[in-house]
């Protein structure tokens, strides 16, 4: 029962953040999802409805460098990989959609790694 309450609160935060991000058109959205074993990030263009860049702890680039995907080092690596891929596609600014997760731990580590690659949000 405690898990369902926690998930319900996360979904409320998710909707609140999503509405704020969708109000501000013009920039793509960097959305993040974390599970206990992996972390996923993708940059989505909501105007066209398509994914521009995607990276996760299951992707080939990540697996070449690390084995596990559920820790801070993994989140930092995924953030730097998606930052490099976004820079290669010419993306300079995004909105950060933390998907209802609290801005701490792996979510913050991924955001900091993306910022280090020159992506602004």
C-alpha atoms as a PDB file:
ATOM      1  CA  UNK A   1       0.000   0.000   0.000  1.00  0.00           C
ATOM      2  CA  UNK A   2       2.877   2.360   0.727  1.00  0.00           C
ATOM      3  CA  UNK A   3       4.315   1.894  -2.763  1.00  0.00           C
ATOM      4  CA  UNK A   4       1.042   2.765  -4.455  1.00  0.00           C
ATOM      5  CA  UNK A   5       0.768   5.961  -2.391  1.00  0.00           C
ATOM      6  CA  UNK A   6       4.331   6.884  -3.349  1.00  0.00           C
ATOM      7  CA  UNK A   7       3.583   6.232  -7.016  1.00  0.00           C
ATOM      8  CA  UNK A   8       0.374   8.283  -6.828  1.00  0.00           C
ATOM      9  CA  UNK A   9       2.293  11.261  -5.458  1.00  0.00           C
ATOM     10  CA  UNK A  10       4.962  10.884  -8.168  1.00  0.00           C
ATOM     11  CA  UNK A  11       2.293  10.898 -10.867  1.00  0.00           C
ATOM     12  CA  UNK A  12       0.797  14.100  -9.399  1.00  0.00           C
ATOM     13  CA  UNK A  13       4.228  15.758  -9.531  1.00  0.00           C
ATOM     14  CA  UNK A  14       4.714  14.396 -13.055  1.00  0.00           C
ATOM     15  CA  UNK A  15       1.512  16.017 -14.312  1.00  0.00           C
ATOM     16  CA  UNK A  16       2.334  19.310 -12.627  1.00  0.00           C
ATOM     17  CA  UNK A  17       5.814  19.447 -14.181  1.00  0.00           C
ATOM     18  CA  UNK A  18       4.560  18.277 -17.593  1.00  0.00           C
ATOM     19  CA  UNK A  19       1.986  21.095 -17.745  1.00  0.00           C
ATOM     20  CA  UNK A  20       4.640  23.710 -16.982  1.00  0.00           C
ATOM     21  CA  UNK A  21       6.971  22.307 -19.623  1.00  0.00           C
ATOM     22  CA  UNK A  22       4.260  22.111 -22.282  1.00  0.00           C
ATOM     23  CA  UNK A  23       3.281  25.748 -21.688  1.00  0.00           C
ATOM     24  CA  UNK A  24       6.728  26.839 -22.838  1.00  0.00           C
ATOM     25  CA  UNK A  25       6.909  25.873 -26.502  1.00  0.00           C
ATOM     26  CA  UNK A  26       9.936  26.166 -28.727  1.00  0.00           C
ATOM     27  CA  UNK A  27      12.437  23.917 -26.984  1.00  0.00           C
ATOM     28  CA  UNK A  28      12.585  20.135 -26.950  1.00  0.00           C
ATOM     29  CA  UNK A  29      11.990  18.277 -23.690  1.00  0.00           C
ATOM     30  CA  UNK A  30      14.607  16.121 -21.949  1.00  0.00           C
ATOM     31  CA  UNK A  31      12.598  13.511 -20.088  1.00  0.00           C
ATOM     32  CA  UNK A  32      14.084  11.095 -17.575  1.00  0.00           C
ATOM     33  CA  UNK A  33      12.791   7.847 -16.095  1.00  0.00           C
ATOM     34  CA  UNK A  34      14.519   5.781 -13.462  1.00  0.00           C
ATOM     35  CA  UNK A  35      13.849   2.307 -12.206  1.00  0.00           C
ATOM     36  CA  UNK A  36      15.733   0.418  -9.543  1.00  0.00           C
ATOM     37  CA  UNK A  37      18.114  -1.157 -12.064  1.00  0.00           C
ATOM     38  CA  UNK A  38      18.265   1.315 -14.962  1.00  0.00           C
ATOM     39  CA  UNK A  39      17.925   4.952 -15.988  1.00  0.00           C
ATOM     40  CA  UNK A  40      16.500   6.224 -19.279  1.00  0.00           C
ATOM     41  CA  UNK A  41      16.680   9.650 -20.919  1.00  0.00           C
ATOM     42  CA  UNK A  42      15.300  10.964 -24.181  1.00  0.00           C
ATOM     43  CA  UNK A  43      14.930  14.297 -25.896  1.00  0.00           C
ATOM     44  CA  UNK A  44      11.474  14.731 -27.421  1.00  0.00           C
ATOM     45  CA  UNK A  45      10.187  17.412 -29.786  1.00  0.00           C
ATOM     46  CA  UNK A  46       6.589  17.877 -28.648  1.00  0.00           C
ATOM     47  CA  UNK A  47       5.694  20.086 -31.627  1.00  0.00           C
ATOM     48  CA  UNK A  48       6.405  17.300 -34.123  1.00  0.00           C
ATOM     49  CA  UNK A  49       5.751  14.460 -31.694  1.00  0.00           C
ATOM     50  CA  UNK A  50       9.004  12.595 -32.267  1.00  0.00           C
ATOM     51  CA  UNK A  51      12.038  11.516 -30.293  1.00  0.00           C
ATOM     52  CA  UNK A  52      15.255  13.266 -31.309  1.00  0.00           C
ATOM     53  CA  UNK A  53      17.836  11.540 -29.082  1.00  0.00           C
ATOM     54  CA  UNK A  54      17.594   8.608 -26.696  1.00  0.00           C
ATOM     55  CA  UNK A  55      20.029   7.012 -24.289  1.00  0.00           C
ATOM     56  CA  UNK A  56      19.725   4.592 -21.396  1.00  0.00           C
ATOM     57  CA  UNK A  57      21.713   2.239 -19.240  1.00  0.00           C
ATOM     58  CA  UNK A  58      20.634  -0.509 -21.654  1.00  0.00           C
ATOM     59  CA  UNK A  59      22.043   1.143 -24.793  1.00  0.00           C
ATOM     60  CA  UNK A  60      25.119  -0.174 -26.570  1.00  0.00           C
ATOM     61  CA  UNK A  61      27.280   2.914 -25.875  1.00  0.00           C
ATOM     62  CA  UNK A  62      26.618   2.565 -22.151  1.00  0.00           C
ATOM     63  CA  UNK A  63      27.224  -1.204 -22.004  1.00  0.00           C
ATOM     64  CA  UNK A  64      30.683  -0.742 -23.529  1.00  0.00           C
ATOM     65  CA  UNK A  65      31.745   1.378 -20.547  1.00  0.00           C
ATOM     66  CA  UNK A  66      29.744   0.076 -17.539  1.00  0.00           C
ATOM     67  CA  UNK A  67      27.873  -3.014 -16.450  1.00  0.00           C
ATOM     68  CA  UNK A  68      25.291  -1.815 -13.910  1.00  0.00           C
ATOM     69  CA  UNK A  69      22.782   0.949 -14.497  1.00  0.00           C
ATOM     70  CA  UNK A  70      21.211   1.666 -11.125  1.00  0.00           C
ATOM     71  CA  UNK A  71      23.745   3.956  -9.448  1.00  0.00           C
ATOM     72  CA  UNK A  72      25.070   7.531  -9.558  1.00  0.00           C
ATOM     73  CA  UNK A  73      27.975   6.675 -11.865  1.00  0.00           C
ATOM     74  CA  UNK A  74      25.566   5.158 -14.365  1.00  0.00           C
ATOM     75  CA  UNK A  75      23.299   8.215 -14.273  1.00  0.00           C
ATOM     76  CA  UNK A  76      26.296  10.484 -14.825  1.00  0.00           C
ATOM     77  CA  UNK A  77      27.446   8.403 -17.784  1.00  0.00           C
ATOM     78  CA  UNK A  78      23.971   8.345 -19.365  1.00  0.00           C
ATOM     79  CA  UNK A  79      23.773  12.120 -18.896  1.00  0.00           C
ATOM     80  CA  UNK A  80      27.102  12.726 -20.571  1.00  0.00           C
ATOM     81  CA  UNK A  81      26.249  10.346 -23.444  1.00  0.00           C
ATOM     82  CA  UNK A  82      22.913  12.020 -24.130  1.00  0.00           C
ATOM     83  CA  UNK A  83      24.558  15.432 -23.827  1.00  0.00           C
ATOM     84  CA  UNK A  84      27.117  14.478 -26.469  1.00  0.00           C
ATOM     85  CA  UNK A  85      24.437  13.050 -28.766  1.00  0.00           C
ATOM     86  CA  UNK A  86      22.288  16.169 -28.377  1.00  0.00           C
ATOM     87  CA  UNK A  87      25.238  18.451 -29.107  1.00  0.00           C
ATOM     88  CA  UNK A  88      26.010  16.397 -32.225  1.00  0.00           C
ATOM     89  CA  UNK A  89      22.406  16.939 -33.405  1.00  0.00           C
ATOM     90  CA  UNK A  90      22.694  20.691 -32.778  1.00  0.00           C
ATOM     91  CA  UNK A  91      20.446  20.840 -29.722  1.00  0.00           C
ATOM     92  CA  UNK A  92      21.579  23.619 -27.378  1.00  0.00           C
ATOM     93  CA  UNK A  93      18.603  24.176 -25.054  1.00  0.00           C
ATOM     94  CA  UNK A  94      15.999  21.822 -23.596  1.00  0.00           C
ATOM     95  CA  UNK A  95      13.341  21.748 -20.896  1.00  0.00           C
ATOM     96  CA  UNK A  96      14.155  19.242 -18.149  1.00  0.00           C
ATOM     97  CA  UNK A  97      11.220  16.940 -17.411  1.00  0.00           C
ATOM     98  CA  UNK A  98      12.156  14.948 -14.320  1.00  0.00           C
ATOM     99  CA  UNK A  99       8.978  12.896 -14.740  1.00  0.00           C
ATOM    100  CA  UNK A 100       7.784  13.453 -11.175  1.00  0.00           C
ATOM    101  CA  UNK A 101      10.957  12.159  -9.546  1.00  0.00           C
ATOM    102  CA  UNK A 102      12.510  14.329  -6.873  1.00  0.00           C
ATOM    103  CA  UNK A 103      15.480  16.402  -8.052  1.00  0.00           C
ATOM    104  CA  UNK A 104      18.104  14.503  -6.092  1.00  0.00           C
ATOM    105  CA  UNK A 105      20.394  11.523  -6.488  1.00  0.00           C
ATOM    106  CA  UNK A 106      20.448   9.973  -9.948  1.00  0.00           C
ATOM    107  CA  UNK A 107      18.051  12.537 -11.440  1.00  0.00           C
ATOM    108  CA  UNK A 108      20.318  15.407 -10.355  1.00  0.00           C
ATOM    109  CA  UNK A 109      23.496  13.571 -11.423  1.00  0.00           C
ATOM    110  CA  UNK A 110      22.096  13.050 -14.926  1.00  0.00           C
ATOM    111  CA  UNK A 111      21.083  16.714 -15.189  1.00  0.00           C
ATOM    112  CA  UNK A 112      24.516  17.914 -14.064  1.00  0.00           C
ATOM    113  CA  UNK A 113      26.247  15.656 -16.598  1.00  0.00           C
ATOM    114  CA  UNK A 114      24.065  17.000 -19.415  1.00  0.00           C
ATOM    115  CA  UNK A 115      24.846  20.589 -18.366  1.00  0.00           C
ATOM    116  CA  UNK A 116      28.574  19.828 -18.445  1.00  0.00           C
ATOM    117  CA  UNK A 117      28.224  18.933 -22.131  1.00  0.00           C
ATOM    118  CA  UNK A 118      26.931  22.435 -22.876  1.00  0.00           C
ATOM    119  CA  UNK A 119      23.178  21.808 -22.989  1.00  0.00           C
ATOM    120  CA  UNK A 120      21.232  24.564 -21.197  1.00  0.00           C
ATOM    121  CA  UNK A 121      18.006  24.226 -19.222  1.00  0.00           C
END
